[in-house]
C-alpha cells in the first residue's frame, strides 16, 4: 500500500535513513507500487510490495546514499 508520509514507512527504513532519503524512498516506493501493479510487469514471483521496496532502495542508492556502520548517509563522492 502506498505511503502518505514518511511516518508510515517501516521502522527498518525510518530508523536507518536520513529525512531526505526517506522522502526519496517514499516517492520511489509509491511510484513503483503504481507502475508494477500486475504480475506481468514484475520479475519472477515478486509481490507488488517486494518490487516497490526494491525500487525504493535502488532510488536511495542512486541518489548518492550509502550504508554506513548502522545508518545510511550521503556519499562524499
N, C-alpha and C. Protein backbone atom coordinates (compact mmCIF):
# COMPACT_ATOMS: atom_id res chain seq x y z
N UNK A 1 0.84 -1.18 0.00
CA UNK A 1 0.00 0.00 0.00
C UNK A 1 0.89 1.24 0.00
N UNK A 2 0.56 2.24 -0.79
CA UNK A 2 1.35 3.47 -0.84
C UNK A 2 1.39 4.18 0.52
N UNK A 3 2.46 4.93 0.72
CA UNK A 3 2.66 5.68 1.96
C UNK A 3 2.26 7.13 1.77
N UNK A 4 1.46 7.66 2.70
CA UNK A 4 1.04 9.06 2.63
C UNK A 4 2.13 10.00 3.11
N UNK A 5 2.92 9.54 4.08
CA UNK A 5 4.02 10.36 4.61
C UNK A 5 5.11 9.44 5.13
N UNK A 6 6.24 10.02 5.49
CA UNK A 6 7.38 9.21 5.92
C UNK A 6 7.16 8.55 7.28
N UNK A 7 6.25 9.06 8.06
CA UNK A 7 5.96 8.45 9.36
C UNK A 7 5.34 7.06 9.20
N UNK A 8 4.77 6.78 8.03
CA UNK A 8 4.16 5.48 7.76
C UNK A 8 5.16 4.45 7.25
N UNK A 9 6.38 4.88 6.91
CA UNK A 9 7.38 3.95 6.41
C UNK A 9 7.71 2.90 7.47
N UNK A 10 8.14 1.71 7.03
CA UNK A 10 8.52 0.67 8.00
C UNK A 10 9.67 1.15 8.89
N UNK A 11 9.71 0.63 10.11
CA UNK A 11 10.76 1.00 11.05
C UNK A 11 12.16 0.77 10.48
N UNK A 12 12.34 -0.33 9.74
CA UNK A 12 13.67 -0.62 9.21
C UNK A 12 14.10 0.37 8.13
N UNK A 13 13.20 1.20 7.68
CA UNK A 13 13.54 2.29 6.75
C UNK A 13 13.73 3.58 7.54
N UNK A 14 12.76 3.93 8.37
CA UNK A 14 12.81 5.18 9.14
C UNK A 14 14.01 5.23 10.08
N UNK A 15 14.38 4.11 10.65
CA UNK A 15 15.46 4.10 11.64
C UNK A 15 16.86 4.17 11.05
N UNK A 16 16.99 4.00 9.73
CA UNK A 16 18.33 3.99 9.15
C UNK A 16 18.57 5.06 8.09
N UNK A 17 17.51 5.67 7.58
CA UNK A 17 17.68 6.68 6.52
C UNK A 17 17.50 8.09 7.05
N UNK A 18 18.33 9.04 6.58
CA UNK A 18 18.10 10.45 6.91
C UNK A 18 16.78 10.91 6.30
N UNK A 19 16.28 12.04 6.76
CA UNK A 19 14.97 12.55 6.32
C UNK A 19 14.84 12.65 4.80
N UNK A 20 15.82 13.25 4.15
CA UNK A 20 15.74 13.43 2.70
C UNK A 20 15.68 12.08 1.99
N UNK A 21 16.46 11.13 2.45
CA UNK A 21 16.46 9.79 1.84
C UNK A 21 15.12 9.10 2.08
N UNK A 22 14.48 9.38 3.21
CA UNK A 22 13.15 8.82 3.46
C UNK A 22 12.13 9.37 2.46
N UNK A 23 12.26 10.64 2.13
CA UNK A 23 11.38 11.23 1.12
C UNK A 23 11.58 10.55 -0.24
N UNK A 24 12.83 10.33 -0.60
CA UNK A 24 13.15 9.66 -1.86
C UNK A 24 12.57 8.26 -1.85
N UNK A 25 12.76 7.55 -0.75
CA UNK A 25 12.26 6.18 -0.62
C UNK A 25 10.74 6.14 -0.80
N UNK A 26 10.06 7.02 -0.11
CA UNK A 26 8.59 7.06 -0.16
C UNK A 26 8.08 7.33 -1.57
N UNK A 27 8.66 8.32 -2.22
CA UNK A 27 8.21 8.67 -3.57
C UNK A 27 8.50 7.54 -4.56
N UNK A 28 9.67 6.94 -4.46
CA UNK A 28 10.01 5.83 -5.36
C UNK A 28 9.13 4.62 -5.10
N UNK A 29 8.89 4.33 -3.83
CA UNK A 29 8.02 3.20 -3.49
C UNK A 29 6.62 3.41 -4.07
N UNK A 30 6.05 4.57 -3.82
CA UNK A 30 4.70 4.85 -4.30
C UNK A 30 4.60 4.78 -5.83
N UNK A 31 5.60 5.30 -6.51
CA UNK A 31 5.60 5.26 -7.96
C UNK A 31 5.69 3.82 -8.47
N UNK A 32 6.59 3.04 -7.89
CA UNK A 32 6.75 1.64 -8.30
C UNK A 32 5.53 0.82 -7.95
N UNK A 33 4.93 1.10 -6.82
CA UNK A 33 3.73 0.37 -6.41
C UNK A 33 2.62 0.54 -7.46
N UNK A 34 2.53 1.74 -7.98
CA UNK A 34 1.52 2.01 -9.00
C UNK A 34 1.92 1.41 -10.35
N UNK A 35 3.20 1.54 -10.69
CA UNK A 35 3.67 1.08 -12.00
C UNK A 35 3.64 -0.45 -12.15
N UNK A 36 4.01 -1.17 -11.10
CA UNK A 36 4.11 -2.62 -11.16
C UNK A 36 2.90 -3.29 -10.52
N UNK A 37 1.72 -2.87 -10.92
CA UNK A 37 0.51 -3.38 -10.29
C UNK A 37 0.11 -4.78 -10.76
N UNK A 38 0.54 -5.20 -11.92
CA UNK A 38 0.18 -6.54 -12.38
C UNK A 38 1.40 -7.45 -12.35
N UNK A 39 1.20 -8.74 -12.09
CA UNK A 39 2.33 -9.68 -12.02
C UNK A 39 3.17 -9.72 -13.30
N UNK A 40 2.57 -9.47 -14.43
CA UNK A 40 3.30 -9.50 -15.70
C UNK A 40 4.38 -8.41 -15.77
N UNK A 41 4.21 -7.36 -14.99
CA UNK A 41 5.15 -6.24 -15.01
C UNK A 41 6.30 -6.42 -14.02
N UNK A 42 6.25 -7.49 -13.24
CA UNK A 42 7.27 -7.75 -12.22
C UNK A 42 8.14 -8.93 -12.64
N UNK A 43 9.30 -9.04 -12.01
CA UNK A 43 10.21 -10.16 -12.27
C UNK A 43 9.89 -11.31 -11.34
N UNK A 44 9.92 -12.50 -11.88
CA UNK A 44 9.73 -13.70 -11.07
C UNK A 44 8.42 -13.69 -10.33
N UNK A 45 8.47 -14.18 -9.10
CA UNK A 45 7.29 -14.28 -8.26
C UNK A 45 7.17 -13.14 -7.25
N UNK A 46 7.90 -12.06 -7.48
CA UNK A 46 7.90 -10.95 -6.53
C UNK A 46 6.51 -10.34 -6.42
N UNK A 47 6.15 -10.01 -5.18
CA UNK A 47 4.88 -9.34 -4.96
C UNK A 47 5.02 -7.86 -5.34
N UNK A 48 3.91 -7.22 -5.42
CA UNK A 48 3.88 -5.79 -5.72
C UNK A 48 4.69 -5.01 -4.68
N UNK A 49 4.52 -5.37 -3.41
CA UNK A 49 5.22 -4.68 -2.32
C UNK A 49 6.73 -4.94 -2.37
N UNK A 50 7.13 -6.20 -2.62
CA UNK A 50 8.55 -6.52 -2.71
C UNK A 50 9.22 -5.73 -3.82
N UNK A 51 8.56 -5.67 -4.96
CA UNK A 51 9.10 -4.94 -6.10
C UNK A 51 9.23 -3.45 -5.76
N UNK A 52 8.21 -2.88 -5.15
CA UNK A 52 8.24 -1.46 -4.80
C UNK A 52 9.35 -1.16 -3.80
N UNK A 53 9.57 -2.05 -2.82
CA UNK A 53 10.66 -1.83 -1.85
C UNK A 53 12.01 -1.91 -2.54
N UNK A 54 12.18 -2.85 -3.46
CA UNK A 54 13.46 -2.94 -4.18
C UNK A 54 13.73 -1.67 -4.99
N UNK A 55 12.71 -1.20 -5.66
CA UNK A 55 12.86 0.03 -6.45
C UNK A 55 13.20 1.20 -5.53
N UNK A 56 12.56 1.28 -4.38
CA UNK A 56 12.80 2.38 -3.45
C UNK A 56 14.23 2.37 -2.92
N UNK A 57 14.73 1.19 -2.54
CA UNK A 57 16.12 1.12 -2.07
C UNK A 57 17.09 1.49 -3.18
N UNK A 58 16.79 1.07 -4.39
CA UNK A 58 17.63 1.42 -5.52
C UNK A 58 17.66 2.93 -5.75
N UNK A 59 16.51 3.57 -5.61
CA UNK A 59 16.44 5.03 -5.77
C UNK A 59 17.27 5.75 -4.72
N UNK A 60 17.25 5.25 -3.50
CA UNK A 60 18.06 5.85 -2.43
C UNK A 60 19.54 5.74 -2.78
N UNK A 61 19.95 4.56 -3.24
CA UNK A 61 21.36 4.37 -3.62
C UNK A 61 21.72 5.26 -4.80
N UNK A 62 20.83 5.35 -5.78
CA UNK A 62 21.09 6.17 -6.97
C UNK A 62 21.19 7.65 -6.61
N UNK A 63 20.51 8.06 -5.55
CA UNK A 63 20.56 9.45 -5.10
C UNK A 63 21.84 9.78 -4.35
N UNK A 64 22.71 8.78 -4.18
CA UNK A 64 24.00 9.04 -3.56
C UNK A 64 24.11 8.67 -2.10
N UNK A 65 23.17 7.91 -1.59
CA UNK A 65 23.25 7.47 -0.20
C UNK A 65 23.90 6.10 -0.14
N UNK A 66 24.65 5.87 0.93
CA UNK A 66 25.29 4.58 1.12
C UNK A 66 25.17 4.15 2.57
N UNK A 67 25.27 2.86 2.77
CA UNK A 67 25.12 2.30 4.10
C UNK A 67 26.41 2.49 4.88
N UNK A 68 26.29 3.03 6.08
CA UNK A 68 27.43 3.18 6.97
C UNK A 68 27.45 2.05 7.98
N UNK A 69 27.98 2.30 9.17
CA UNK A 69 28.04 1.26 10.20
C UNK A 69 26.65 0.80 10.62
N UNK A 70 25.77 1.74 10.91
CA UNK A 70 24.43 1.38 11.36
C UNK A 70 23.33 2.12 10.61
N UNK A 71 23.70 3.22 9.98
CA UNK A 71 22.72 4.03 9.27
C UNK A 71 23.27 4.42 7.90
N UNK A 72 22.37 4.90 7.06
CA UNK A 72 22.76 5.35 5.73
C UNK A 72 23.14 6.83 5.80
N UNK A 73 24.03 7.26 4.91
CA UNK A 73 24.44 8.67 4.84
C UNK A 73 24.74 9.02 3.39
N UNK A 74 24.78 10.30 3.14
CA UNK A 74 25.09 10.79 1.79
C UNK A 74 26.56 10.51 1.50
N UNK A 75 26.83 9.94 0.35
CA UNK A 75 28.19 9.64 -0.06
C UNK A 75 28.99 10.93 -0.24
N UNK A 76 30.25 10.87 0.05
CA UNK A 76 31.11 12.06 -0.08
C UNK A 76 31.55 12.27 -1.53
N UNK A 77 31.34 11.28 -2.39
CA UNK A 77 31.75 11.39 -3.81
C UNK A 77 30.81 12.23 -4.60
